[in-house]
Protein backbone atom coordinates (compact mmCIF):
# COMPACT_ATOMS: atom_id res chain seq x y z
CA MET A 1 8.25 -20.94 -21.44
CA SER A 2 5.76 -22.21 -18.87
CA ASN A 3 3.77 -19.75 -16.81
CA ALA A 4 3.97 -22.09 -13.83
CA ILE A 5 6.92 -21.41 -11.53
CA THR A 6 7.50 -24.15 -8.96
CA GLY A 7 10.85 -23.25 -7.37
CA ILE A 8 12.50 -26.52 -8.32
CA SER A 9 14.50 -25.54 -11.39
CA ASP A 10 13.02 -22.08 -11.84
CA HIS A 11 12.38 -19.20 -9.46
CA LEU A 12 10.36 -16.02 -9.43
CA GLU A 13 13.14 -13.42 -9.22
CA PRO A 14 14.44 -13.63 -12.84
CA ARG A 15 10.89 -13.42 -14.24
CA LEU A 16 9.98 -10.61 -11.88
CA ALA A 17 13.14 -8.61 -12.65
CA SER A 18 12.48 -8.92 -16.38
CA ALA A 19 8.91 -7.66 -15.96
CA ILE A 20 10.04 -4.73 -13.77
CA ARG A 21 12.46 -3.66 -16.52
CA ARG A 22 9.53 -3.31 -18.95
CA ALA A 23 7.04 -1.84 -16.51
CA ASP A 24 5.72 1.70 -16.29
CA SER A 25 3.76 0.78 -13.15
CA VAL A 26 4.82 -1.61 -10.37
CA ARG A 27 2.32 -2.72 -7.71
CA LEU A 28 3.39 -5.18 -5.04
CA ILE A 29 1.04 -6.69 -2.46
CA VAL A 30 2.66 -9.13 -0.02
CA ALA A 31 2.08 -10.29 3.53
CA PHE A 32 5.59 -9.34 4.58
CA VAL A 33 8.84 -7.81 3.38
CA MET A 34 12.24 -8.99 4.57
CA GLU A 35 15.50 -7.07 4.38
CA SER A 36 17.03 -9.71 2.11
CA GLY A 37 14.20 -9.34 -0.38
CA ALA A 38 14.17 -5.55 -0.27
CA ARG A 39 17.89 -5.55 -0.95
CA LEU A 40 17.37 -7.92 -3.89
CA LEU A 41 14.60 -5.91 -5.57
CA ALA A 42 15.77 -2.37 -4.81
CA PRO A 43 18.23 -2.02 -7.75
CA GLU A 44 15.57 -2.95 -10.34
CA LEU A 45 12.96 -0.77 -8.64
CA LYS A 46 15.41 2.12 -8.59
CA LEU A 47 16.01 1.81 -12.34
CA ALA A 48 12.26 1.66 -12.92
CA ALA A 49 11.77 4.84 -10.85
CA HIS A 50 14.44 6.63 -12.89
CA ARG A 51 12.45 5.72 -16.03
CA GLY A 52 9.39 7.37 -14.47
CA ALA A 53 7.54 4.20 -13.41
CA THR A 54 5.15 4.49 -10.46
CA LEU A 55 5.95 2.20 -7.53
CA LYS A 56 3.46 1.02 -4.91
CA LEU A 57 3.90 -1.47 -2.08
CA LEU A 58 1.18 -2.76 0.24
CA THR A 59 2.37 -5.04 3.01
CA GLY A 60 1.35 -6.26 6.44
CA ARG A 61 2.57 -5.87 9.98
CA TYR A 62 0.60 -8.78 11.43
CA LEU A 63 2.81 -10.83 13.80
CA SER A 64 5.62 -8.32 13.11
CA VAL A 65 7.16 -10.43 10.36
CA THR A 66 7.90 -7.43 8.13
CA GLU A 67 11.34 -6.17 9.06
CA PRO A 68 11.66 -2.42 9.71
CA SER A 69 15.13 -2.48 8.13
CA ALA A 70 13.56 -3.71 4.87
CA LEU A 71 11.28 -0.69 4.69
CA TYR A 72 14.06 1.67 5.75
CA HIS A 73 16.21 0.24 2.95
CA LEU A 74 13.51 0.88 0.35
CA MET A 75 12.85 4.34 1.76
CA ARG A 76 16.56 5.17 1.70
CA GLU A 77 17.12 3.82 -1.82
CA LEU A 78 13.90 5.04 -3.45
CA GLY A 79 12.77 7.99 -1.34
CA SER A 80 9.46 9.48 -2.48
CA ALA A 81 9.53 7.40 -5.68
CA ILE A 82 7.82 4.55 -3.86
CA ASP A 83 4.50 4.79 -2.05
CA MET A 84 4.62 2.22 0.78
CA ARG A 85 1.63 1.39 2.95
CA PHE A 86 0.65 -0.97 5.75
CA TYR A 87 -2.57 -2.91 5.34
CA SER A 88 -5.09 -1.66 7.92
CA GLY A 89 -8.33 -3.37 6.93
CA SER A 90 -10.88 -4.74 9.39
CA VAL A 91 -9.95 -8.33 8.48
CA GLN A 92 -6.81 -9.06 10.47
CA ALA A 93 -5.48 -11.90 8.30
CA PHE A 94 -3.54 -10.52 5.33
CA HIS A 95 -1.73 -13.12 3.23
CA PRO A 96 -1.63 -12.04 -0.45
CA LYS A 97 1.51 -12.53 -2.53
CA ALA A 98 1.05 -10.85 -5.89
CA TYR A 99 3.09 -8.66 -8.22
CA ILE A 100 1.28 -6.53 -10.82
CA LEU A 101 3.49 -4.97 -13.50
CA ASP A 102 1.83 -2.81 -16.16
CA SER A 103 3.62 -2.09 -19.40
CA GLY A 104 1.70 -0.04 -21.96
CA ASP A 105 -1.50 -1.85 -22.90
CA ASP A 106 -0.36 -5.16 -21.41
CA ALA A 107 0.59 -6.33 -17.95
CA ASP A 108 2.16 -9.26 -16.12
CA VAL A 109 0.63 -10.56 -12.89
CA PHE A 110 2.51 -13.06 -10.72
CA VAL A 111 0.38 -14.71 -8.02
CA GLY A 112 1.47 -17.45 -5.66
CA SER A 113 3.37 -18.12 -2.44
CA SER A 114 6.38 -15.79 -2.62
CA ASN A 115 6.68 -12.89 -0.20
CA VAL A 116 9.54 -10.41 -0.58
CA SER A 117 12.49 -12.35 0.79
CA ARG A 118 15.61 -13.66 -0.89
CA SER A 119 14.77 -17.29 -0.25
CA ALA A 120 11.19 -16.92 -1.52
CA LEU A 121 12.38 -15.21 -4.69
CA THR A 122 15.57 -17.11 -5.50
CA ASP A 123 16.00 -20.57 -4.00
CA GLY A 124 12.98 -21.67 -2.00
CA VAL A 125 10.31 -24.12 -3.15
CA GLU A 126 7.62 -21.55 -3.93
CA TRP A 127 4.76 -21.97 -6.36
CA ASN A 128 3.76 -18.95 -8.46
CA TYR A 129 1.78 -18.44 -11.64
CA ARG A 130 2.12 -15.77 -14.30
CA LEU A 131 -0.83 -14.42 -16.23
CA THR A 132 -1.00 -11.55 -18.70
CA LYS A 133 -3.61 -8.88 -19.20
CA ALA A 134 -3.82 -9.70 -22.91
CA GLU A 135 -4.62 -13.38 -22.33
CA HIS A 136 -6.70 -13.04 -19.16
CA PRO A 137 -8.29 -9.56 -19.16
CA ASP A 138 -11.02 -10.40 -16.65
CA ASP A 139 -8.59 -11.92 -14.14
CA TYR A 140 -6.23 -8.97 -14.53
CA ALA A 141 -9.08 -6.52 -14.02
CA LYS A 142 -10.12 -8.16 -10.75
CA PHE A 143 -6.58 -8.30 -9.36
CA SER A 144 -5.91 -4.71 -10.41
CA ALA A 145 -9.16 -3.30 -9.04
CA THR A 146 -8.84 -5.17 -5.75
CA PHE A 147 -5.28 -3.94 -5.26
CA ASP A 148 -6.35 -0.35 -5.88
CA THR A 149 -9.26 -0.66 -3.44
CA LEU A 150 -7.10 -2.10 -0.67
CA PHE A 151 -4.32 0.40 -1.33
CA ASP A 152 -6.61 3.42 -1.37
CA THR A 153 -9.11 2.54 1.39
CA CYS A 154 -7.59 -0.14 3.65
CA SER A 155 -4.08 1.12 4.26
CA GLU A 156 -1.93 3.47 6.31
CA GLN A 157 0.85 5.32 4.54
CA ILE A 158 4.29 4.40 5.85
CA THR A 159 5.58 7.82 6.80
CA GLN A 160 8.73 8.52 8.79
CA ASP A 161 6.72 8.64 12.01
CA VAL A 162 4.73 5.48 11.26
CA LEU A 163 7.86 3.51 10.42
CA LYS A 164 9.71 4.80 13.47
CA ALA A 165 6.82 3.80 15.74
CA TYR A 166 6.75 0.32 14.17
CA ALA A 167 10.52 -0.06 14.54
CA LEU A 168 10.55 1.00 18.20
CA THR A 169 8.19 -1.78 19.22
CA TRP A 170 9.32 -4.43 16.74
CA LYS A 171 10.60 -7.76 18.01
CA ARG A 172 11.90 -10.50 15.76
CA PRO A 173 9.24 -13.26 15.79
CA ALA A 174 10.28 -16.79 16.68
CA LEU A 175 9.22 -18.13 13.29
CA VAL A 176 11.56 -15.64 11.60
CA ARG A 177 14.43 -16.78 13.82
CA VAL A 178 13.79 -20.39 12.81
CA ALA A 179 13.69 -19.47 9.12
CA GLU A 180 16.89 -17.43 9.44
CA GLU A 181 18.72 -20.32 11.07
CA ALA A 182 17.69 -22.58 8.19
CA GLU A 183 18.88 -19.99 5.64
CA ALA A 184 22.06 -19.09 7.52
CA PRO A 185 24.46 -21.22 5.43
CA LEU A 186 23.13 -19.70 2.20
CA GLN A 187 23.20 -16.17 3.61
CA ARG A 188 26.81 -16.61 4.74
CA GLY A 189 27.64 -17.74 1.22
CA TYR A 190 26.03 -14.62 -0.25
CA ALA A 191 27.86 -12.39 2.25
CA ALA A 192 31.23 -14.00 1.54
CA ALA A 193 30.83 -13.45 -2.20
CA ALA A 194 29.62 -9.85 -1.98
CA PRO A 195 31.16 -6.61 -0.67
CA PRO A 196 29.97 -5.47 2.78
CA GLU A 197 26.52 -3.89 2.88
CA PRO A 198 24.56 -2.24 5.69
CA ARG A 199 22.43 -4.63 7.72
CA GLY A 200 19.58 -4.33 10.19
CA ALA A 201 19.92 -1.37 12.52
CA GLN A 202 22.75 0.03 10.38
CA ILE A 203 20.22 0.66 7.59
CA GLU A 204 17.95 2.54 9.97
CA ALA A 205 20.79 4.62 11.39
CA LEU A 206 22.06 5.51 7.91
CA HIS A 207 18.59 6.68 6.96
CA TYR A 208 18.39 9.04 9.94
CA LEU A 209 21.96 10.29 9.48
CA GLN A 210 21.21 11.12 5.87
CA GLN A 211 18.00 12.86 6.90
CA ALA A 212 19.74 14.84 9.65
CA ARG A 213 22.39 16.18 7.28
CA ALA A 214 19.69 17.13 4.78
CA GLU A 215 18.18 19.24 7.57
CA GLY A 216 21.50 20.99 8.20
CA VAL A 217 22.70 19.01 11.24
CA GLU A 218 26.52 19.06 11.52
CA LYS A 219 27.08 16.90 14.62
CA GLY A 220 25.32 13.81 15.86
CA LEU A 221 25.49 10.85 18.20
CA VAL A 222 24.60 7.23 17.49
CA VAL A 223 23.99 5.08 20.57
CA ALA A 224 24.05 1.35 19.84
CA ALA A 225 24.86 -1.72 21.88
CA THR A 226 28.20 -3.48 21.50
CA GLY A 227 27.93 -5.93 18.62
CA VAL A 228 25.46 -3.99 16.45
CA GLY A 229 28.26 -2.83 14.12
CA LYS A 230 28.97 0.83 14.83
CA THR A 231 32.34 0.84 13.04
CA HIS A 232 30.79 -0.58 9.87
CA LEU A 233 28.00 2.00 10.21
CA ALA A 234 30.57 4.81 10.30
CA ALA A 235 32.36 3.37 7.27
CA PHE A 236 29.13 3.20 5.25
CA ASP A 237 28.10 6.70 6.34
CA SER A 238 31.51 8.11 5.35
CA LEU A 239 31.16 7.07 1.71
CA GLY A 240 29.87 10.49 0.69
CA PHE A 241 32.94 12.26 2.11
CA ARG A 242 36.43 12.61 0.65
CA SER A 243 38.60 13.03 3.75
CA VAL A 244 37.83 11.19 6.99
CA LEU A 245 39.25 10.99 10.52
CA PHE A 246 38.45 8.06 12.81
CA LEU A 247 39.50 8.87 16.38
CA ALA A 248 40.05 5.98 18.81
CA HIS A 249 41.51 5.73 22.28
CA ARG A 250 43.60 2.61 21.59
CA GLN A 251 45.85 1.70 18.70
CA GLU A 252 44.23 -1.70 18.37
CA ILE A 253 40.82 -0.12 17.85
CA ALA A 254 42.28 2.19 15.21
CA GLU A 255 43.84 -0.76 13.40
CA GLN A 256 40.59 -2.72 13.45
CA ALA A 257 38.67 0.29 12.13
CA HIS A 258 41.29 0.55 9.38
CA LYS A 259 40.40 -3.01 8.26
CA VAL A 260 36.66 -2.30 8.30
CA PHE A 261 36.97 0.92 6.28
CA ALA A 262 39.31 -0.82 3.80
CA SER A 263 36.57 -3.36 3.04
CA VAL A 264 33.89 -0.67 2.64
CA ARG A 265 36.07 1.94 0.84
CA PRO A 266 38.48 -0.16 -1.26
CA GLY A 267 39.31 2.81 -3.49
CA SER A 268 40.41 5.12 -0.65
CA THR A 269 43.93 5.71 0.61
CA LEU A 270 43.98 4.78 4.28
CA GLY A 271 46.59 5.62 6.90
CA LEU A 272 47.33 5.35 10.63
CA TYR A 273 48.36 8.20 12.92
CA THR A 274 49.40 6.64 16.22
CA GLY A 275 52.32 6.56 18.59
CA GLU A 276 54.00 3.82 16.55
CA ARG A 277 53.10 4.93 13.03
CA LYS A 278 52.37 8.22 11.30
CA ASP A 279 51.39 7.84 7.66
CA GLN A 280 51.24 10.77 5.28
CA GLY A 281 48.99 11.72 2.41
CA ALA A 282 46.06 9.45 3.26
CA GLY A 283 42.47 10.42 2.59
CA VAL A 284 41.19 8.43 5.58
CA PHE A 285 43.17 8.54 8.83
CA PHE A 286 42.79 6.36 11.92
CA ALA A 287 44.32 8.14 14.89
CA THR A 288 44.70 7.54 18.60
CA VAL A 289 43.59 10.40 20.81
CA GLN A 290 46.74 10.14 22.94
CA THR A 291 48.87 11.02 19.90
CA LEU A 292 46.68 13.37 17.92
CA SER A 293 45.70 15.52 20.91
CA ARG A 294 49.27 16.68 21.37
CA PRO A 295 49.78 20.19 19.92
CA GLU A 296 52.69 19.21 17.65
CA HIS A 297 50.51 16.58 15.96
CA LEU A 298 47.32 18.64 15.74
CA GLU A 299 49.31 21.30 13.91
CA VAL A 300 49.99 18.80 11.11
CA PHE A 301 46.32 19.04 10.10
CA THR A 302 44.48 22.27 9.32
CA PRO A 303 41.05 22.70 10.97
CA ASP A 304 39.28 22.02 7.65
CA TYR A 305 41.49 19.05 6.67
CA PHE A 306 38.75 16.49 7.32
CA ASP A 307 35.23 16.56 5.89
CA TYR A 308 34.01 13.84 8.22
CA VAL A 309 35.17 13.01 11.76
CA VAL A 310 34.22 9.88 13.69
CA VAL A 311 34.77 9.84 17.46
CA ASP A 312 34.65 6.28 18.71
CA GLU A 313 33.67 5.53 22.34
CA PHE A 314 32.11 8.99 22.52
CA HIS A 315 31.45 8.64 26.25
CA HIS A 316 35.14 9.62 26.62
CA ALA A 317 34.60 12.85 24.64
CA ALA A 318 34.34 15.06 27.73
CA ALA A 319 38.01 14.36 28.52
CA ASP A 320 40.47 17.17 27.81
CA SER A 321 42.41 15.17 25.21
CA TYR A 322 39.25 14.51 23.21
CA ARG A 323 38.08 18.09 23.50
CA ARG A 324 41.37 19.38 22.08
CA VAL A 325 40.89 17.25 18.96
CA ILE A 326 37.16 17.94 18.60
CA ASP A 327 37.59 21.68 19.10
CA HIS A 328 40.49 21.84 16.61
CA PHE A 329 38.65 20.46 13.58
CA ARG A 330 35.77 21.94 11.59
CA PRO A 331 34.39 19.00 9.58
CA ARG A 332 31.23 19.06 7.52
CA PHE A 333 29.92 16.37 9.86
CA LEU A 334 31.03 14.89 13.19
CA LEU A 335 29.71 11.47 14.22
CA GLY A 336 29.95 10.21 17.79
CA LEU A 337 29.63 6.48 18.51
CA THR A 338 28.98 4.88 21.89
CA ALA A 339 27.29 1.87 23.45
CA THR A 340 26.23 3.95 26.46
CA PRO A 341 26.20 7.70 27.00
CA PHE A 342 26.07 7.22 30.78
CA ARG A 343 29.04 8.76 32.61
CA MET A 344 29.93 8.23 36.24
CA ASP A 345 31.06 11.86 36.66
CA ASN A 346 27.81 13.32 35.25
CA LYS A 347 29.67 15.27 32.55
CA ASP A 348 27.39 16.14 29.65
CA ILE A 349 28.59 14.51 26.44
CA PHE A 350 25.37 15.34 24.59
CA ALA A 351 26.26 19.04 24.46
CA ILE A 352 29.43 18.18 22.52
CA CYS A 353 27.28 16.99 19.63
CA ASP A 354 24.72 19.79 20.02
CA ASP A 355 22.29 17.40 21.80
CA ASN A 356 21.63 15.54 18.55
CA VAL A 357 21.04 11.87 19.31
CA ILE A 358 20.34 10.86 15.74
CA TYR A 359 19.77 7.17 16.33
CA GLU A 360 19.59 4.96 19.39
CA ILE A 361 19.07 1.23 19.85
CA SER A 362 19.41 -0.17 23.35
CA LEU A 363 20.81 -3.50 24.44
CA LYS A 364 17.28 -4.81 25.03
CA GLN A 365 16.07 -3.65 21.61
CA SER A 366 19.11 -5.20 19.93
CA ILE A 367 18.31 -8.54 21.55
CA ASP A 368 14.59 -8.28 20.76
CA ARG A 369 15.43 -7.66 17.11
CA GLY A 370 17.74 -10.64 16.92
CA LEU A 371 20.86 -8.55 16.35
CA LEU A 372 22.42 -10.00 19.50
CA VAL A 373 21.75 -13.23 21.38
CA PRO A 374 19.66 -13.10 24.58
CA PHE A 375 21.28 -13.76 27.92
CA THR A 376 20.42 -15.46 31.18
CA TYR A 377 21.62 -13.38 34.13
CA ASN A 378 22.56 -15.36 37.24
CA ALA A 379 23.17 -13.19 40.30
CA VAL A 380 25.16 -15.26 42.79
CA TYR A 381 25.39 -14.15 46.41
CA ASP A 382 28.97 -13.25 47.27
CA PRO A 383 29.75 -13.19 51.02
CA THR A 384 32.80 -10.96 50.46
CA ASP A 385 32.51 -7.97 52.79
CA TYR A 386 33.41 -4.93 50.70
CA ASN A 387 33.04 -2.66 53.72
CA ASP A 388 36.56 -3.77 54.64
CA VAL A 389 37.97 -2.69 51.25
CA ARG A 390 39.48 0.77 51.18
CA ILE A 391 38.37 3.35 48.62
CA ALA A 392 40.74 5.84 46.99
CA ASN A 393 39.65 8.49 44.43
CA GLY A 394 36.24 6.86 44.18
CA TYR A 395 37.49 3.34 43.42
CA TYR A 396 38.32 0.27 45.46
CA VAL A 397 42.02 -0.13 46.22
CA ILE A 398 43.34 -2.98 44.06
CA GLU A 399 45.60 -4.45 46.74
CA ASP A 400 42.65 -4.72 49.11
CA LEU A 401 40.47 -6.31 46.43
CA GLU A 402 43.19 -8.88 45.70
CA ALA A 403 43.41 -9.80 49.36
CA HIS A 404 39.65 -10.35 49.56
CA LEU A 405 39.05 -12.01 46.17
CA ALA A 406 42.14 -14.22 45.69
CA GLN A 407 41.14 -16.62 48.44
CA THR A 408 40.36 -20.32 48.43
CA ASN A 409 36.82 -19.97 49.80
CA ARG A 410 36.00 -17.33 47.15
CA ALA A 411 37.55 -19.47 44.39
CA ASP A 412 35.57 -22.49 45.64
CA LEU A 413 32.37 -20.47 45.29
CA VAL A 414 33.25 -19.40 41.73
CA LEU A 415 34.18 -22.94 40.65
CA GLU A 416 31.01 -24.39 42.16
CA HIS A 417 28.73 -22.08 40.20
CA TYR A 418 30.87 -22.34 37.06
CA LEU A 419 30.44 -26.12 37.05
CA ARG A 420 26.71 -25.73 37.61
CA LEU A 421 25.93 -22.97 35.11
CA ALA A 422 28.66 -22.37 32.53
CA GLY A 423 28.84 -23.48 28.92
CA ARG A 424 31.83 -24.55 26.83
CA ARG A 425 33.68 -21.23 26.42
CA THR A 426 33.93 -18.78 29.32
CA LEU A 427 35.50 -15.38 29.88
CA GLY A 428 35.97 -14.32 33.50
CA PHE A 429 36.67 -10.68 34.40
CA CYS A 430 38.90 -10.22 37.42
CA ALA A 431 39.96 -7.31 39.64
CA SER A 432 43.70 -7.42 38.85
CA ILE A 433 46.46 -9.36 37.16
CA LYS A 434 47.24 -11.26 40.36
CA HIS A 435 43.56 -12.12 40.78
CA ALA A 436 43.35 -13.40 37.17
CA GLU A 437 46.48 -15.53 37.55
CA TYR A 438 45.23 -16.91 40.86
CA MET A 439 41.89 -17.95 39.33
CA ALA A 440 43.56 -19.54 36.27
CA ASP A 441 45.85 -21.58 38.51
CA TYR A 442 42.98 -22.58 40.77
CA PHE A 443 40.70 -23.74 37.93
CA SER A 444 43.52 -25.61 36.16
CA SER A 445 44.47 -27.41 39.36
CA HIS A 446 40.85 -28.50 39.77
CA GLY A 447 40.55 -30.03 36.30
CA VAL A 448 39.21 -27.08 34.31
CA PRO A 449 41.81 -25.95 31.70
CA ALA A 450 42.19 -22.19 32.07
CA THR A 451 44.62 -19.36 31.41
CA ALA A 452 45.07 -15.75 32.47
CA VAL A 453 45.45 -13.00 29.89
CA HIS A 454 46.64 -9.51 30.75
CA SER A 455 48.64 -6.58 29.44
CA HIS A 456 52.01 -8.13 30.34
CA GLN A 457 51.36 -10.78 27.64
CA SER A 458 54.11 -13.07 28.86
CA GLN A 459 54.01 -16.80 28.24
CA VAL A 460 55.10 -17.91 31.69
CA ASP A 461 53.18 -18.98 34.77
CA GLY A 462 50.27 -20.37 32.72
CA THR A 463 49.63 -17.08 30.93
CA LEU A 464 49.13 -17.09 27.16
CA ARG A 465 49.15 -14.17 24.80
CA ARG A 466 45.65 -12.95 24.11
CA ASP A 467 45.32 -14.11 20.48
CA ALA A 468 46.75 -17.54 21.34
CA ALA A 469 44.38 -17.80 24.32
CA VAL A 470 41.34 -16.95 22.18
CA ALA A 471 42.37 -19.54 19.57
CA ALA A 472 42.85 -22.17 22.30
CA LEU A 473 39.44 -21.34 23.75
CA GLU A 474 37.74 -21.66 20.38
CA ARG A 475 39.47 -25.02 19.73
CA GLY A 476 38.38 -26.31 23.13
CA GLU A 477 41.93 -26.70 24.45
CA ILE A 478 41.06 -24.46 27.37
CA ARG A 479 37.65 -23.78 28.89
CA VAL A 480 38.14 -20.42 30.62
CA ILE A 481 40.08 -17.20 30.05
CA PHE A 482 40.54 -15.00 33.12
CA ALA A 483 41.27 -11.37 32.23
CA VAL A 484 41.21 -7.88 33.67
CA ASP A 485 40.33 -5.11 31.18
CA ILE A 486 42.17 -6.33 28.08
CA PHE A 487 38.98 -7.84 26.61
CA ASN A 488 36.77 -4.80 27.21
CA GLU A 489 37.00 -3.51 23.64
CA GLY A 490 38.25 -4.52 20.25
CA VAL A 491 38.21 -8.30 20.72
CA ASP A 492 35.44 -10.43 19.30
CA ILE A 493 34.86 -14.03 20.39
CA PRO A 494 31.44 -14.79 18.86
CA SER A 495 31.55 -18.41 20.08
CA LEU A 496 31.80 -17.26 23.73
CA ASP A 497 28.79 -18.61 25.63
CA THR A 498 29.54 -17.64 29.26
CA VAL A 499 30.75 -14.46 30.95
CA MET A 500 31.66 -14.33 34.65
CA PHE A 501 32.00 -11.12 36.66
CA LEU A 502 34.33 -11.88 39.54
CA ARG A 503 34.86 -8.31 40.71
CA PRO A 504 32.60 -5.44 41.79
CA THR A 505 31.05 -3.36 39.02
CA GLU A 506 32.36 0.19 39.38
CA SER A 507 31.97 1.45 35.80
CA TYR A 508 28.68 1.01 33.95
CA VAL A 509 30.41 1.52 30.61
CA ILE A 510 32.96 -1.22 31.30
CA PHE A 511 30.26 -3.56 32.60
CA LEU A 512 28.24 -3.22 29.37
CA GLN A 513 31.38 -3.56 27.23
CA GLN A 514 32.35 -6.74 29.03
CA LEU A 515 28.83 -8.12 28.80
CA GLY A 516 28.88 -7.33 25.09
CA ARG A 517 31.86 -9.64 24.57
CA GLY A 518 29.48 -12.57 24.75
CA LEU A 519 26.39 -11.25 22.97
CA ARG A 520 27.50 -11.58 19.37
CA LYS A 521 25.67 -14.15 17.26
CA HIS A 522 27.36 -17.42 16.31
CA PRO A 523 26.09 -20.57 14.56
CA GLY A 524 24.46 -22.88 17.10
CA LYS A 525 24.62 -20.28 19.89
CA ARG A 526 21.19 -19.64 21.40
CA ARG A 527 22.03 -17.47 24.40
CA LEU A 528 24.75 -16.18 26.70
CA THR A 529 25.05 -17.27 30.32
CA VAL A 530 26.07 -14.45 32.68
CA ILE A 531 27.33 -15.35 36.17
CA ASP A 532 27.69 -12.26 38.35
CA PHE A 533 28.96 -12.56 41.91
CA ILE A 534 27.01 -9.86 43.74
CA GLY A 535 28.17 -8.64 47.12
CA ASN A 536 27.51 -5.59 49.24
CA TYR A 537 29.66 -3.38 47.01
CA ARG A 538 28.71 0.11 45.97
CA ARG A 539 26.37 0.51 42.98
CA ALA A 540 25.30 -3.16 42.93
CA HIS A 541 21.67 -2.02 43.21
CA TYR A 542 21.93 -0.17 39.88
CA LEU A 543 22.48 -3.36 37.85
CA PRO A 544 18.80 -4.24 37.11
CA ARG A 545 18.16 -0.81 35.60
CA LEU A 546 21.44 -0.93 33.70
CA LEU A 547 20.59 -4.31 32.17
CA ALA A 548 17.17 -2.96 31.19
CA GLY A 549 18.87 -0.24 29.16
CA GLU A 550 18.00 2.59 31.53
CA ASN A 551 20.29 5.31 32.83
CA PRO A 552 21.25 4.20 36.35
CA TRP A 553 21.65 7.83 37.43
CA ASP A 554 18.05 8.79 36.64
CA GLU A 555 16.01 9.28 39.77
CA ARG A 556 12.64 7.58 39.96
């Protein structure tokens, strides 16, 4: 077998895996580590650690190519068995790619072009060369001694604090985005053939959840932008628990969570507990708060029935119905999930989880890391005078909004800016059902195929059912869906490239949820276009801080 590995018909990973299986010492020195590569090598490294092998990794952080999630994955899988360090020498350039694997009196050294990434190790055109200590003792000695010098004197140990600081400021470099787009078809093939696994920020959150429980924490909150994958995170985190409750505020959300957990926990018995369906004997229940909060249903479950409780949309947790459920159960761990902990009524939801915000990644951070697509925000002046709209119980009166917004001059303004700014697939959020139907009729009559979707879900007057409307939008049969609140949660249209806000923003939570409908990644999608018609309505001045990921209520 040739010692030259060229990446045409042979690749480094099989040779490397074989050497790791024999090794009693593993030393890796690479310019960068990607999550895909860390995931690929972790099983072999874990087996080596169990045999008592020493594991050392020296990598770089120059240009921020090394992914924090890769290091969190290794830390989570290997713990203290691996000593990971960042290169910190005076010479900024750091480009080695070498793997030194000692086994008794001999050793294998692989030197070449492969960093720790799936493509570099398995299917890329990478040139590497293998030499052995027995055949090339002088070369081995130089590589070995130089690694030890750099590791011992030109490095910073990757502790929890060091990795957290790196992760907080990390942005996905443009060159990584380009490489990912090129690899996307292959990565989708791998994902389709394999069971679901934690990705990106999910890996980081799982690490901190595991650490928190090890320190005795029994309740905690994860704050992550819409689209990061909070439901999958909860499913992965629940794997160490026998009985689980997932609490949602809508049946559709419960049903979608059921599907996610079924893919992550195929061996578990799953059941629904909602107004329409009440399963029995399940180990994992998905319940709606409207049903479970009623005394006759809470009594079905003893306080210690569930080991693990997930409260979705935790910003609702201050409501009486949620508190009845939360106060009834005594799980080993309670996990709250939310995209934003900001509440309009200033109620403190942090106290419900003992002020433990275990992990947080803002909308801005999610975009910087490439977990969501960036967006262009277009604030369009809206001459509508909201001073003439009545307010009842803190909100604009719908009938007054309809009268002001469902007008030809307002619709002309919306159409004008839609034609100038929008992409191929648009979702427009309206003030009411009548407003949505008016806008759908107006756009259709002006040559832009559109439909209104609302809770009535009839198929008359140009209104399609929601699923049919989404399918028509994706096929290009219609260009715009006008909706009220039915698309706020639980509906994913990754191909959506434009969101229009045609009504005043009164709820920060709803605004971010609606914005999040368009931020999911999709092949060929580079960014989301946001068209927001800004008038003199209340709270409009909070939007810049909200979009920056800040709490709009904080005083400056």
